[in-house]
Amino acid sequence: MRPPQPWSERVATQASPSSTQASVDAALVQNVLRQVGRRVVGQDYMVERLLIGLFTGGHVLLEGVPGLAKTLTVRTLAEAIETSFNRIQFTPDLLPADVVGTQVYDQSNGQFSVKKGPIFANVILADEINRAPAKVQAALLEAMQEKQVTIGGHTYKLEEPFLVLATQNPIEQEGTYPLPEAQVDRFMLKLRVGYPTRDEEKEVMRRMAGGQPINVQAVAKPEQILAVRRHIADMYMDERIIDYIVDIVHATRSPLDAGLKDLAPLIEFGASPRATIALAQASRAHAFLRGRTFVTPDDVKAIAIDVLRHRVLITYEAEAEEVTSDVIVQRILERIDSP
């Protein structure tokens, strides 16, 4: 009896990628990473997740203390792909018109004209997003989900690629407005950005202490990014991987059905169907960044916590036991059988 084939051999015959296109895509990714690396030291996890968001059109929420190069990384990424970039500093007195724009009366002709807001850019950095009131968050919500905004009764499409990268400070909660669950669910990924290592911090000091600007070249055009998105969307995903993703997300909603009786008292609400779609898209992008043309269970496991941590709401009992959503998702991954 022949031994079972390794996963890569079992599915490789199903995928029929263009080797030329794969080489072009790989070169594009390496060029972008090289340019980002000119300014940003370390933070490989954050950079890779930002690329996953860029190559799938999924918005990203970054949580971390100030000074971890979140803004610098996002700005550098926007420069490397030759796209427009706007940073919006969210404050409690911000108005929706400050984000999407408004109508301005022109006395010379007695007519109103539209003054577009900073949301009209390819890459938006929403800095300290949880400091904005509900009306501003609602205006941003339409832009994130529908890729359009409404000004004075008229709808304006946002130019692709359109990506919202938002930051929030986890340790300073005074004067903040918790993000509504509907808006949190619009973010494909939620990242927890940590401190650099000692060696990385030494390198940061060497590069930045001189105060000289570090130039970054634009090595990709928006149409190339959109082409990569189409390529990733067409990547092969085996039916067993699809079942595996659905089983993981379903286990967050019905742990009893998945045989995870001990997790049932810890989960208030599970992930939505949008999480299933996001996990599939992010897994494809993760495989793409690894140079593969098909998705493996390891891709799903690698990205699952970032996709699900903000979509799994825990109970008071879980908080009392200091069990986070990250821990719950990790337990699900350990106990759901992978293909």
C-alpha atoms as a PDB file:
ATOM      1  CA  MET A   1       0.000   0.000   0.000  1.00  0.00           C
ATOM      2  CA  ARG A   2       1.409   3.407  -1.016  1.00  0.00           C
ATOM      3  CA  PRO A   3       1.905   5.968   1.780  1.00  0.00           C
ATOM      4  CA  PRO A   4      -0.337   9.043   1.641  1.00  0.00           C
ATOM      5  CA  GLN A   5       1.020  11.956  -0.386  1.00  0.00           C
ATOM      6  CA  PRO A   6       2.174  15.086   1.418  1.00  0.00           C
ATOM      7  CA  TRP A   7      -0.359  17.896   1.367  1.00  0.00           C
ATOM      8  CA  SER A   8       1.646  19.966  -1.135  1.00  0.00           C
ATOM      9  CA  GLU A   9       1.809  17.072  -3.607  1.00  0.00           C
ATOM     10  CA  ARG A  10      -1.881  16.240  -3.214  1.00  0.00           C
ATOM     11  CA  VAL A  11      -3.030  19.726  -4.216  1.00  0.00           C
ATOM     12  CA  ALA A  12      -0.223  20.911  -6.478  1.00  0.00           C
ATOM     13  CA  THR A  13      -1.699  19.057  -9.416  1.00  0.00           C
ATOM     14  CA  GLN A  14      -4.963  20.960  -8.923  1.00  0.00           C
ATOM     15  CA  ALA A  15      -3.336  24.378  -9.198  1.00  0.00           C
ATOM     16  CA  SER A  16      -2.263  25.547 -12.621  1.00  0.00           C
ATOM     17  CA  PRO A  17      -0.602  28.919 -12.126  1.00  0.00           C
ATOM     18  CA  SER A  18       1.284  30.855 -14.753  1.00  0.00           C
ATOM     19  CA  SER A  19       4.960  30.625 -13.845  1.00  0.00           C
ATOM     20  CA  THR A  20       5.607  33.965 -15.545  1.00  0.00           C
ATOM     21  CA  GLN A  21       2.859  35.697 -13.569  1.00  0.00           C
ATOM     22  CA  ALA A  22       4.068  34.084 -10.339  1.00  0.00           C
ATOM     23  CA  SER A  23       7.593  35.378 -10.969  1.00  0.00           C
ATOM     24  CA  VAL A  24       6.311  38.886 -11.663  1.00  0.00           C
ATOM     25  CA  ASP A  25       4.207  38.870  -8.500  1.00  0.00           C
ATOM     26  CA  ALA A  26       7.101  37.549  -6.390  1.00  0.00           C
ATOM     27  CA  ALA A  27       9.405  40.257  -7.704  1.00  0.00           C
ATOM     28  CA  LEU A  28       6.822  42.935  -6.945  1.00  0.00           C
ATOM     29  CA  VAL A  29       6.447  41.741  -3.338  1.00  0.00           C
ATOM     30  CA  GLN A  30      10.206  41.628  -2.804  1.00  0.00           C
ATOM     31  CA  ASN A  31      10.626  45.132  -4.218  1.00  0.00           C
ATOM     32  CA  VAL A  32       7.934  46.496  -1.890  1.00  0.00           C
ATOM     33  CA  LEU A  33       9.447  44.717   1.121  1.00  0.00           C
ATOM     34  CA  ARG A  34      12.886  46.054   0.228  1.00  0.00           C
ATOM     35  CA  GLN A  35      11.644  49.636   0.114  1.00  0.00           C
ATOM     36  CA  VAL A  36       9.702  49.334   3.375  1.00  0.00           C
ATOM     37  CA  GLY A  37      12.776  47.796   4.997  1.00  0.00           C
ATOM     38  CA  ARG A  38      14.806  50.916   4.156  1.00  0.00           C
ATOM     39  CA  ARG A  39      12.884  52.835   6.823  1.00  0.00           C
ATOM     40  CA  VAL A  40      11.252  50.237   9.055  1.00  0.00           C
ATOM     41  CA  VAL A  41      13.456  47.967  11.160  1.00  0.00           C
ATOM     42  CA  GLY A  42      11.955  44.658  12.225  1.00  0.00           C
ATOM     43  CA  GLN A  43       8.176  44.574  12.603  1.00  0.00           C
ATOM     44  CA  ASP A  44       8.070  41.803   9.994  1.00  0.00           C
ATOM     45  CA  TYR A  45       4.776  40.557  11.396  1.00  0.00           C
ATOM     46  CA  MET A  46       3.119  43.957  10.997  1.00  0.00           C
ATOM     47  CA  VAL A  47       4.514  44.529   7.504  1.00  0.00           C
ATOM     48  CA  GLU A  48       3.397  41.104   6.285  1.00  0.00           C
ATOM     49  CA  ARG A  49      -0.122  41.581   7.664  1.00  0.00           C
ATOM     50  CA  LEU A  50      -0.351  45.009   6.055  1.00  0.00           C
ATOM     51  CA  LEU A  51       0.587  43.421   2.734  1.00  0.00           C
ATOM     52  CA  ILE A  52      -2.109  40.791   3.250  1.00  0.00           C
ATOM     53  CA  GLY A  53      -4.612  43.603   3.728  1.00  0.00           C
ATOM     54  CA  LEU A  54      -3.290  45.434   0.673  1.00  0.00           C
ATOM     55  CA  PHE A  55      -3.374  42.366  -1.573  1.00  0.00           C
ATOM     56  CA  THR A  56      -6.901  41.371  -0.529  1.00  0.00           C
ATOM     57  CA  GLY A  57      -8.517  44.799  -0.083  1.00  0.00           C
ATOM     58  CA  GLY A  58      -9.092  44.102   3.608  1.00  0.00           C
ATOM     59  CA  HIS A  59      -8.864  46.872   6.193  1.00  0.00           C
ATOM     60  CA  VAL A  60      -6.481  46.468   9.135  1.00  0.00           C
ATOM     61  CA  LEU A  61      -6.750  47.608  12.758  1.00  0.00           C
ATOM     62  CA  LEU A  62      -3.406  48.031  14.527  1.00  0.00           C
ATOM     63  CA  GLU A  63      -3.317  48.072  18.309  1.00  0.00           C
ATOM     64  CA  GLY A  64      -0.145  49.079  20.063  1.00  0.00           C
ATOM     65  CA  VAL A  65       1.460  51.673  22.271  1.00  0.00           C
ATOM     66  CA  PRO A  66       2.810  54.875  20.666  1.00  0.00           C
ATOM     67  CA  GLY A  67       6.236  54.856  19.045  1.00  0.00           C
ATOM     68  CA  LEU A  68       6.162  51.436  17.378  1.00  0.00           C
ATOM     69  CA  ALA A  69       6.448  52.794  13.803  1.00  0.00           C
ATOM     70  CA  LYS A  70       2.816  52.118  12.922  1.00  0.00           C
ATOM     71  CA  THR A  71       2.355  55.454  11.144  1.00  0.00           C
ATOM     72  CA  LEU A  72       5.805  55.297   9.561  1.00  0.00           C
ATOM     73  CA  THR A  73       5.164  51.802   8.193  1.00  0.00           C
ATOM     74  CA  VAL A  74       1.812  52.723   6.674  1.00  0.00           C
ATOM     75  CA  ARG A  75       3.193  55.920   5.103  1.00  0.00           C
ATOM     76  CA  THR A  76       6.209  54.053   3.709  1.00  0.00           C
ATOM     77  CA  LEU A  77       4.006  51.319   2.257  1.00  0.00           C
ATOM     78  CA  ALA A  78       1.873  53.937   0.514  1.00  0.00           C
ATOM     79  CA  GLU A  79       4.980  55.564  -0.974  1.00  0.00           C
ATOM     80  CA  ALA A  80       6.353  52.220  -2.162  1.00  0.00           C
ATOM     81  CA  ILE A  81       3.231  51.480  -4.200  1.00  0.00           C
ATOM     82  CA  GLU A  82       2.830  54.955  -5.705  1.00  0.00           C
ATOM     83  CA  THR A  83      -0.565  55.633  -4.190  1.00  0.00           C
ATOM     84  CA  SER A  84      -2.122  58.650  -2.536  1.00  0.00           C
ATOM     85  CA  PHE A  85      -1.966  58.680   1.257  1.00  0.00           C
ATOM     86  CA  ASN A  86      -3.836  60.677   3.872  1.00  0.00           C
ATOM     87  CA  ARG A  87      -3.537  60.597   7.635  1.00  0.00           C
ATOM     88  CA  ILE A  88      -6.599  61.531   9.683  1.00  0.00           C
ATOM     89  CA  GLN A  89      -6.040  62.299  13.355  1.00  0.00           C
ATOM     90  CA  PHE A  90      -9.234  61.292  15.123  1.00  0.00           C
ATOM     91  CA  THR A  91     -10.292  63.517  18.015  1.00  0.00           C
ATOM     92  CA  PRO A  92     -13.506  63.839  20.050  1.00  0.00           C
ATOM     93  CA  ASP A  93     -14.465  67.090  18.257  1.00  0.00           C
ATOM     94  CA  LEU A  94     -14.060  65.643  14.755  1.00  0.00           C
ATOM     95  CA  LEU A  95     -17.102  65.900  12.476  1.00  0.00           C
ATOM     96  CA  PRO A  96     -18.151  63.567   9.622  1.00  0.00           C
ATOM     97  CA  ALA A  97     -17.580  66.404   7.151  1.00  0.00           C
ATOM     98  CA  ASP A  98     -13.960  66.577   8.323  1.00  0.00           C
ATOM     99  CA  VAL A  99     -13.511  63.035   7.022  1.00  0.00           C
ATOM    100  CA  VAL A 100     -15.699  62.654   3.927  1.00  0.00           C
ATOM    101  CA  GLY A 101     -16.028  66.272   2.844  1.00  0.00           C
ATOM    102  CA  THR A 102     -18.876  68.759   2.523  1.00  0.00           C
ATOM    103  CA  GLN A 103     -20.674  71.162   0.199  1.00  0.00           C
ATOM    104  CA  VAL A 104     -19.288  74.704  -0.004  1.00  0.00           C
ATOM    105  CA  TYR A 105     -21.357  77.668  -1.199  1.00  0.00           C
ATOM    106  CA  ASP A 106     -19.694  79.729  -3.929  1.00  0.00           C
ATOM    107  CA  GLN A 107     -20.922  83.321  -3.789  1.00  0.00           C
ATOM    108  CA  SER A 108     -19.582  84.119  -7.250  1.00  0.00           C
ATOM    109  CA  ASN A 109     -22.055  81.830  -9.010  1.00  0.00           C
ATOM    110  CA  GLY A 110     -24.592  81.171  -6.250  1.00  0.00           C
ATOM    111  CA  GLN A 111     -24.046  77.403  -6.375  1.00  0.00           C
ATOM    112  CA  PHE A 112     -22.748  74.719  -4.073  1.00  0.00           C
ATOM    113  CA  SER A 113     -19.596  72.816  -4.928  1.00  0.00           C
ATOM    114  CA  VAL A 114     -18.245  69.657  -3.306  1.00  0.00           C
ATOM    115  CA  LYS A 115     -15.087  69.850  -1.272  1.00  0.00           C
ATOM    116  CA  LYS A 116     -13.835  66.299  -0.888  1.00  0.00           C
ATOM    117  CA  GLY A 117     -12.376  65.226   2.441  1.00  0.00           C
ATOM    118  CA  PRO A 118      -9.207  63.271   3.236  1.00  0.00           C
ATOM    119  CA  ILE A 119     -11.052  59.958   2.805  1.00  0.00           C
ATOM    120  CA  PHE A 120     -10.487  60.391  -0.944  1.00  0.00           C
ATOM    121  CA  ALA A 121      -7.129  58.660  -1.082  1.00  0.00           C
ATOM    122  CA  ASN A 122      -5.901  55.134  -1.750  1.00  0.00           C
ATOM    123  CA  VAL A 123      -4.418  54.515   1.685  1.00  0.00           C
ATOM    124  CA  ILE A 124      -5.995  56.073   4.777  1.00  0.00           C
ATOM    125  CA  LEU A 125      -4.332  56.048   8.173  1.00  0.00           C
ATOM    126  CA  ALA A 126      -7.044  56.548  10.775  1.00  0.00           C
ATOM    127  CA  ASP A 127      -4.898  57.456  13.756  1.00  0.00           C
ATOM    128  CA  GLU A 128      -6.430  56.730  17.183  1.00  0.00           C
ATOM    129  CA  ILE A 129      -9.717  55.783  15.604  1.00  0.00           C
ATOM    130  CA  ASN A 130     -11.368  55.090  18.959  1.00  0.00           C
ATOM    131  CA  ARG A 131     -11.178  58.789  19.849  1.00  0.00           C
ATOM    132  CA  ALA A 132     -13.822  59.673  17.254  1.00  0.00           C
ATOM    133  CA  PRO A 133     -17.531  59.961  18.187  1.00  0.00           C
ATOM    134  CA  ALA A 134     -20.177  57.634  16.751  1.00  0.00           C
ATOM    135  CA  LYS A 135     -21.187  59.914  13.843  1.00  0.00           C
ATOM    136  CA  VAL A 136     -17.650  60.006  12.494  1.00  0.00           C
ATOM    137  CA  GLN A 137     -17.269  56.260  12.874  1.00  0.00           C
ATOM    138  CA  ALA A 138     -20.545  55.759  10.983  1.00  0.00           C
ATOM    139  CA  ALA A 139     -19.291  57.912   8.109  1.00  0.00           C
ATOM    140  CA  LEU A 140     -16.085  55.921   7.966  1.00  0.00           C
ATOM    141  CA  LEU A 141     -18.106  52.694   8.074  1.00  0.00           C
ATOM    142  CA  GLU A 142     -19.797  53.424   4.741  1.00  0.00           C
ATOM    143  CA  ALA A 143     -16.465  54.186   3.124  1.00  0.00           C
ATOM    144  CA  MET A 144     -14.896  50.974   4.429  1.00  0.00           C
ATOM    145  CA  GLN A 145     -17.716  48.639   3.470  1.00  0.00           C
ATOM    146  CA  GLU A 146     -19.247  50.214   0.379  1.00  0.00           C
ATOM    147  CA  LYS A 147     -16.092  51.910  -0.993  1.00  0.00           C
ATOM    148  CA  GLN A 148     -18.163  55.070  -1.449  1.00  0.00           C
ATOM    149  CA  VAL A 149     -19.239  58.170   0.473  1.00  0.00           C
ATOM    150  CA  THR A 150     -22.329  60.361   0.357  1.00  0.00           C
ATOM    151  CA  ILE A 151     -22.036  64.165   0.282  1.00  0.00           C
ATOM    152  CA  GLY A 152     -25.114  66.326  -0.085  1.00  0.00           C
ATOM    153  CA  GLY A 153     -27.253  63.469  -1.342  1.00  0.00           C
ATOM    154  CA  HIS A 154     -24.761  62.457  -4.027  1.00  0.00           C
ATOM    155  CA  THR A 155     -22.683  59.272  -3.908  1.00  0.00           C
ATOM    156  CA  TYR A 156     -19.002  59.323  -4.825  1.00  0.00           C
ATOM    157  CA  LYS A 157     -17.009  56.173  -5.494  1.00  0.00           C
ATOM    158  CA  LEU A 158     -13.608  55.821  -3.869  1.00  0.00           C
ATOM    159  CA  GLU A 159     -10.705  54.975  -6.127  1.00  0.00           C
ATOM    160  CA  GLU A 160      -9.222  51.483  -5.885  1.00  0.00           C
ATOM    161  CA  PRO A 161      -7.089  50.293  -4.268  1.00  0.00           C
ATOM    162  CA  PHE A 162      -8.743  51.699  -1.143  1.00  0.00           C
ATOM    163  CA  LEU A 163      -7.440  50.624   2.226  1.00  0.00           C
ATOM    164  CA  VAL A 164      -8.125  51.869   5.755  1.00  0.00           C
ATOM    165  CA  LEU A 165      -5.377  51.190   8.272  1.00  0.00           C
ATOM    166  CA  ALA A 166      -6.498  52.279  11.720  1.00  0.00           C
ATOM    167  CA  THR A 167      -4.578  52.514  14.983  1.00  0.00           C
ATOM    168  CA  GLN A 168      -5.704  52.549  18.575  1.00  0.00           C
ATOM    169  CA  ASN A 169      -3.849  52.845  21.858  1.00  0.00           C
ATOM    170  CA  PRO A 170      -4.623  49.938  24.212  1.00  0.00           C
ATOM    171  CA  ILE A 171      -3.355  51.574  27.411  1.00  0.00           C
ATOM    172  CA  GLU A 172      -4.910  55.050  27.336  1.00  0.00           C
ATOM    173  CA  GLN A 173      -8.697  54.807  27.402  1.00  0.00           C
ATOM    174  CA  GLU A 174      -9.643  58.218  28.790  1.00  0.00           C
ATOM    175  CA  GLY A 175     -11.703  60.189  26.276  1.00  0.00           C
ATOM    176  CA  THR A 176     -12.196  57.250  23.910  1.00  0.00           C
ATOM    177  CA  TYR A 177     -15.281  55.828  22.240  1.00  0.00           C
ATOM    178  CA  PRO A 178     -15.284  52.019  21.930  1.00  0.00           C
ATOM    179  CA  LEU A 179     -15.664  50.979  18.312  1.00  0.00           C
ATOM    180  CA  PRO A 180     -19.114  49.558  17.499  1.00  0.00           C
ATOM    181  CA  GLU A 181     -19.116  45.832  16.833  1.00  0.00           C
ATOM    182  CA  ALA A 182     -20.435  46.459  13.308  1.00  0.00           C
ATOM    183  CA  GLN A 183     -17.395  48.579  12.519  1.00  0.00           C
ATOM    184  CA  VAL A 184     -14.872  46.283  14.177  1.00  0.00           C
ATOM    185  CA  ASP A 185     -16.236  43.464  12.027  1.00  0.00           C
ATOM    186  CA  ARG A 186     -15.355  45.473   8.897  1.00  0.00           C
ATOM    187  CA  PHE A 187     -11.665  45.114   9.662  1.00  0.00           C
ATOM    188  CA  MET A 188     -10.257  41.992   8.081  1.00  0.00           C
ATOM    189  CA  LEU A 189      -7.369  41.832  10.556  1.00  0.00           C
ATOM    190  CA  LYS A 190      -6.666  43.147  14.013  1.00  0.00           C
ATOM    191  CA  LEU A 191      -2.963  43.228  14.828  1.00  0.00           C
ATOM    192  CA  ARG A 192      -1.252  43.507  18.183  1.00  0.00           C
ATOM    193  CA  VAL A 193       1.996  45.348  17.519  1.00  0.00           C
ATOM    194  CA  GLY A 194       4.791  44.687  19.981  1.00  0.00           C
ATOM    195  CA  TYR A 195       8.144  46.230  20.863  1.00  0.00           C
ATOM    196  CA  PRO A 196      11.234  45.592  18.710  1.00  0.00           C
ATOM    197  CA  THR A 197      14.054  43.379  19.940  1.00  0.00           C
ATOM    198  CA  ARG A 198      17.155  44.882  21.487  1.00  0.00           C
ATOM    199  CA  ASP A 199      19.199  44.497  18.282  1.00  0.00           C
ATOM    200  CA  GLU A 200      16.382  45.976  16.197  1.00  0.00           C
ATOM    201  CA  GLU A 201      16.149  48.952  18.522  1.00  0.00           C
ATOM    202  CA  LYS A 202      19.888  49.569  18.151  1.00  0.00           C
ATOM    203  CA  GLU A 203      19.467  49.593  14.393  1.00  0.00           C
ATOM    204  CA  VAL A 204      16.529  52.009  14.704  1.00  0.00           C
ATOM    205  CA  MET A 205      18.752  54.344  16.694  1.00  0.00           C
ATOM    206  CA  ARG A 206      21.528  54.172  14.092  1.00  0.00           C
ATOM    207  CA  ARG A 207      19.186  54.984  11.219  1.00  0.00           C
ATOM    208  CA  MET A 208      17.101  57.665  12.858  1.00  0.00           C
ATOM    209  CA  ALA A 209      19.556  59.429  15.179  1.00  0.00           C
ATOM    210  CA  GLY A 210      21.146  61.357  12.306  1.00  0.00           C
ATOM    211  CA  GLY A 211      17.881  63.002  11.392  1.00  0.00           C
ATOM    212  CA  GLN A 212      18.479  62.530   7.658  1.00  0.00           C
ATOM    213  CA  PRO A 213      15.429  61.539   5.583  1.00  0.00           C
ATOM    214  CA  ILE A 214      15.437  58.016   4.157  1.00  0.00           C
ATOM    215  CA  ASN A 215      14.116  58.071   0.622  1.00  0.00           C
ATOM    216  CA  VAL A 216      11.762  55.363  -0.631  1.00  0.00           C
ATOM    217  CA  GLN A 217      11.153  54.623  -4.291  1.00  0.00           C
ATOM    218  CA  ALA A 218       7.772  53.785  -5.781  1.00  0.00           C
ATOM    219  CA  VAL A 219       8.222  50.250  -7.122  1.00  0.00           C
ATOM    220  CA  ALA A 220       4.596  49.271  -7.812  1.00  0.00           C
ATOM    221  CA  LYS A 221       1.614  50.946  -9.402  1.00  0.00           C
ATOM    222  CA  PRO A 222      -2.017  50.683  -8.267  1.00  0.00           C
ATOM    223  CA  GLU A 223      -2.943  48.623 -11.327  1.00  0.00           C
ATOM    224  CA  GLN A 224      -0.255  46.089 -10.405  1.00  0.00           C
ATOM    225  CA  ILE A 225      -1.708  45.791  -6.903  1.00  0.00           C
ATOM    226  CA  LEU A 226      -5.161  45.171  -8.386  1.00  0.00           C
ATOM    227  CA  ALA A 227      -3.675  42.525 -10.701  1.00  0.00           C
ATOM    228  CA  VAL A 228      -2.141  40.742  -7.692  1.00  0.00           C
ATOM    229  CA  ARG A 229      -5.534  40.867  -5.963  1.00  0.00           C
ATOM    230  CA  ARG A 230      -7.139  39.100  -8.913  1.00  0.00           C
ATOM    231  CA  HIS A 231      -4.365  36.506  -8.949  1.00  0.00           C
ATOM    232  CA  ILE A 232      -4.777  35.789  -5.235  1.00  0.00           C
ATOM    233  CA  ALA A 233      -8.564  35.542  -5.564  1.00  0.00           C
ATOM    234  CA  ASP A 234      -8.082  32.847  -8.223  1.00  0.00           C
ATOM    235  CA  MET A 235      -5.651  30.769  -6.173  1.00  0.00           C
ATOM    236  CA  TYR A 236      -6.619  27.158  -5.636  1.00  0.00           C
ATOM    237  CA  MET A 237      -8.259  26.219  -2.348  1.00  0.00           C
ATOM    238  CA  ASP A 238      -9.070  22.579  -1.752  1.00  0.00           C
ATOM    239  CA  GLU A 239     -12.566  21.641  -0.601  1.00  0.00           C
ATOM    240  CA  ARG A 240     -11.087  20.238   2.611  1.00  0.00           C
ATOM    241  CA  ILE A 241      -9.523  23.610   3.397  1.00  0.00           C
ATOM    242  CA  ILE A 242     -12.887  25.278   2.837  1.00  0.00           C
ATOM    243  CA  ASP A 243     -14.496  22.826   5.277  1.00  0.00           C
ATOM    244  CA  TYR A 244     -11.678  23.439   7.761  1.00  0.00           C
ATOM    245  CA  ILE A 245     -12.228  27.220   7.677  1.00  0.00           C
ATOM    246  CA  VAL A 246     -15.981  26.815   8.117  1.00  0.00           C
ATOM    247  CA  ASP A 247     -15.438  24.397  11.040  1.00  0.00           C
ATOM    248  CA  ILE A 248     -13.170  26.906  12.812  1.00  0.00           C
ATOM    249  CA  VAL A 249     -15.576  29.819  12.471  1.00  0.00           C
ATOM    250  CA  HIS A 250     -18.590  27.667  13.347  1.00  0.00           C
ATOM    251  CA  ALA A 251     -16.806  26.492  16.505  1.00  0.00           C
ATOM    252  CA  THR A 252     -16.656  30.099  17.728  1.00  0.00           C
ATOM    253  CA  ARG A 253     -20.464  30.271  17.512  1.00  0.00           C
ATOM    254  CA  SER A 254     -21.436  26.763  18.599  1.00  0.00           C
ATOM    255  CA  PRO A 255     -18.599  25.287  20.638  1.00  0.00           C
ATOM    256  CA  LEU A 256     -20.911  22.552  21.943  1.00  0.00           C
ATOM    257  CA  ASP A 257     -21.560  21.297  18.407  1.00  0.00           C
ATOM    258  CA  ALA A 258     -17.812  21.174  17.846  1.00  0.00           C
ATOM    259  CA  GLY A 259     -17.243  19.161  21.020  1.00  0.00           C
ATOM    260  CA  LEU A 260     -15.659  22.103  22.846  1.00  0.00           C
ATOM    261  CA  LYS A 261     -17.862  22.036  25.921  1.00  0.00           C
ATOM    262  CA  ASP A 262     -15.351  23.879  28.120  1.00  0.00           C
ATOM    263  CA  LEU A 263     -15.336  26.912  25.786  1.00  0.00           C
ATOM    264  CA  ALA A 264     -19.106  27.418  25.747  1.00  0.00           C
ATOM    265  CA  PRO A 265     -19.252  29.483  28.996  1.00  0.00           C
ATOM    266  CA  LEU A 266     -16.397  31.703  27.739  1.00  0.00           C
ATOM    267  CA  ILE A 267     -17.881  32.858  24.412  1.00  0.00           C
ATOM    268  CA  GLU A 268     -20.624  35.483  24.368  1.00  0.00           C
ATOM    269  CA  PHE A 269     -20.838  35.836  20.585  1.00  0.00           C
ATOM    270  CA  GLY A 270     -18.950  34.062  17.840  1.00  0.00           C
ATOM    271  CA  ALA A 271     -17.581  35.287  14.531  1.00  0.00           C
ATOM    272  CA  SER A 272     -19.874  36.366  11.703  1.00  0.00           C
ATOM    273  CA  PRO A 273     -19.966  34.886   8.173  1.00  0.00           C
ATOM    274  CA  ARG A 274     -17.796  37.842   7.162  1.00  0.00           C
ATOM    275  CA  ALA A 275     -15.061  36.189   9.223  1.00  0.00           C
ATOM    276  CA  THR A 276     -15.297  33.054   7.077  1.00  0.00           C
ATOM    277  CA  ILE A 277     -14.766  35.103   3.923  1.00  0.00           C
ATOM    278  CA  ALA A 278     -11.934  37.093   5.514  1.00  0.00           C
ATOM    279  CA  LEU A 279     -10.169  33.952   6.734  1.00  0.00           C
ATOM    280  CA  ALA A 280     -10.305  32.420   3.260  1.00  0.00           C
ATOM    281  CA  GLN A 281      -8.987  35.590   1.601  1.00  0.00           C
ATOM    282  CA  ALA A 282      -6.244  36.123   4.168  1.00  0.00           C
ATOM    283  CA  SER A 283      -5.167  32.466   3.947  1.00  0.00           C
ATOM    284  CA  ARG A 284      -4.792  32.785   0.179  1.00  0.00           C
ATOM    285  CA  ALA A 285      -2.710  35.949   0.605  1.00  0.00           C
ATOM    286  CA  HIS A 286      -0.563  34.264   3.263  1.00  0.00           C
ATOM    287  CA  ALA A 287       0.135  31.387   0.879  1.00  0.00           C
ATOM    288  CA  PHE A 288       0.929  33.865  -1.891  1.00  0.00           C
ATOM    289  CA  LEU A 289       3.507  35.660   0.269  1.00  0.00           C
ATOM    290  CA  ARG A 290       5.095  32.265   0.948  1.00  0.00           C
ATOM    291  CA  GLY A 291       5.493  31.688  -2.785  1.00  0.00           C
ATOM    292  CA  ARG A 292       2.854  28.967  -3.035  1.00  0.00           C
ATOM    293  CA  THR A 293      -0.025  28.664  -5.477  1.00  0.00           C
ATOM    294  CA  PHE A 294      -2.358  26.812  -3.129  1.00  0.00           C
ATOM    295  CA  VAL A 295      -3.543  27.120   0.469  1.00  0.00           C
ATOM    296  CA  THR A 296      -2.488  24.703   3.213  1.00  0.00           C
ATOM    297  CA  PRO A 297      -3.866  24.218   6.738  1.00  0.00           C
ATOM    298  CA  ASP A 298      -0.771  26.019   8.064  1.00  0.00           C
ATOM    299  CA  ASP A 299      -1.806  29.178   6.196  1.00  0.00           C
ATOM    300  CA  VAL A 300      -5.192  29.086   7.915  1.00  0.00           C
ATOM    301  CA  LYS A 301      -3.635  28.524  11.340  1.00  0.00           C
ATOM    302  CA  ALA A 302      -1.075  31.291  10.838  1.00  0.00           C
ATOM    303  CA  ILE A 303      -3.668  33.962  10.100  1.00  0.00           C
ATOM    304  CA  ALA A 304      -6.716  32.753  12.077  1.00  0.00           C
ATOM    305  CA  ILE A 305      -6.034  34.630  15.317  1.00  0.00           C
ATOM    306  CA  ASP A 306      -5.578  37.959  13.514  1.00  0.00           C
ATOM    307  CA  VAL A 307      -8.866  37.405  11.656  1.00  0.00           C
ATOM    308  CA  LEU A 308     -10.901  36.215  14.648  1.00  0.00           C
ATOM    309  CA  ARG A 309      -9.571  37.950  17.780  1.00  0.00           C
ATOM    310  CA  HIS A 310     -11.822  41.011  17.346  1.00  0.00           C
ATOM    311  CA  ARG A 311     -14.831  38.995  16.235  1.00  0.00           C
ATOM    312  CA  VAL A 312     -15.041  36.600  19.191  1.00  0.00           C
ATOM    313  CA  LEU A 313     -16.646  38.353  22.162  1.00  0.00           C
ATOM    314  CA  ILE A 314     -15.908  36.840  25.542  1.00  0.00           C
ATOM    315  CA  THR A 315     -18.151  36.574  28.588  1.00  0.00           C
ATOM    316  CA  TYR A 316     -17.656  38.051  32.048  1.00  0.00           C
ATOM    317  CA  GLU A 317     -16.628  34.595  33.181  1.00  0.00           C
ATOM    318  CA  ALA A 318     -13.793  34.589  30.652  1.00  0.00           C
ATOM    319  CA  GLU A 319     -12.691  38.034  31.802  1.00  0.00           C
ATOM    320  CA  ALA A 320     -12.711  36.848  35.415  1.00  0.00           C
ATOM    321  CA  GLU A 321     -10.530  33.909  34.454  1.00  0.00           C
ATOM    322  CA  GLU A 322      -8.307  36.214  32.352  1.00  0.00           C
ATOM    323  CA  VAL A 323      -9.029  34.211  29.216  1.00  0.00           C
ATOM    324  CA  THR A 324      -8.713  36.387  26.111  1.00  0.00           C
ATOM    325  CA  SER A 325     -10.216  35.867  22.684  1.00  0.00           C
ATOM    326  CA  ASP A 326      -6.709  35.007  21.451  1.00  0.00           C
ATOM    327  CA  VAL A 327      -6.573  32.103  23.896  1.00  0.00           C
ATOM    328  CA  ILE A 328     -10.016  30.887  22.846  1.00  0.00           C
ATOM    329  CA  VAL A 329      -9.148  30.938  19.142  1.00  0.00           C
ATOM    330  CA  GLN A 330      -5.863  29.155  19.854  1.00  0.00           C
ATOM    331  CA  ARG A 331      -7.714  26.404  21.746  1.00  0.00           C
ATOM    332  CA  ILE A 332     -10.127  26.003  18.834  1.00  0.00           C
ATOM    333  CA  LEU A 333      -7.233  25.669  16.390  1.00  0.00           C
ATOM    334  CA  GLU A 334      -5.602  23.045  18.599  1.00  0.00           C
ATOM    335  CA  ARG A 335      -8.750  20.930  18.842  1.00  0.00           C
ATOM    336  CA  ILE A 336     -10.335  21.195  15.396  1.00  0.00           C
ATOM    337  CA  ASP A 337      -8.904  18.472  13.183  1.00  0.00           C
ATOM    338  CA  SER A 338      -7.022  19.882  10.219  1.00  0.00           C
ATOM    339  CA  PRO A 339      -6.991  18.145   6.816  1.00  0.00           C
END
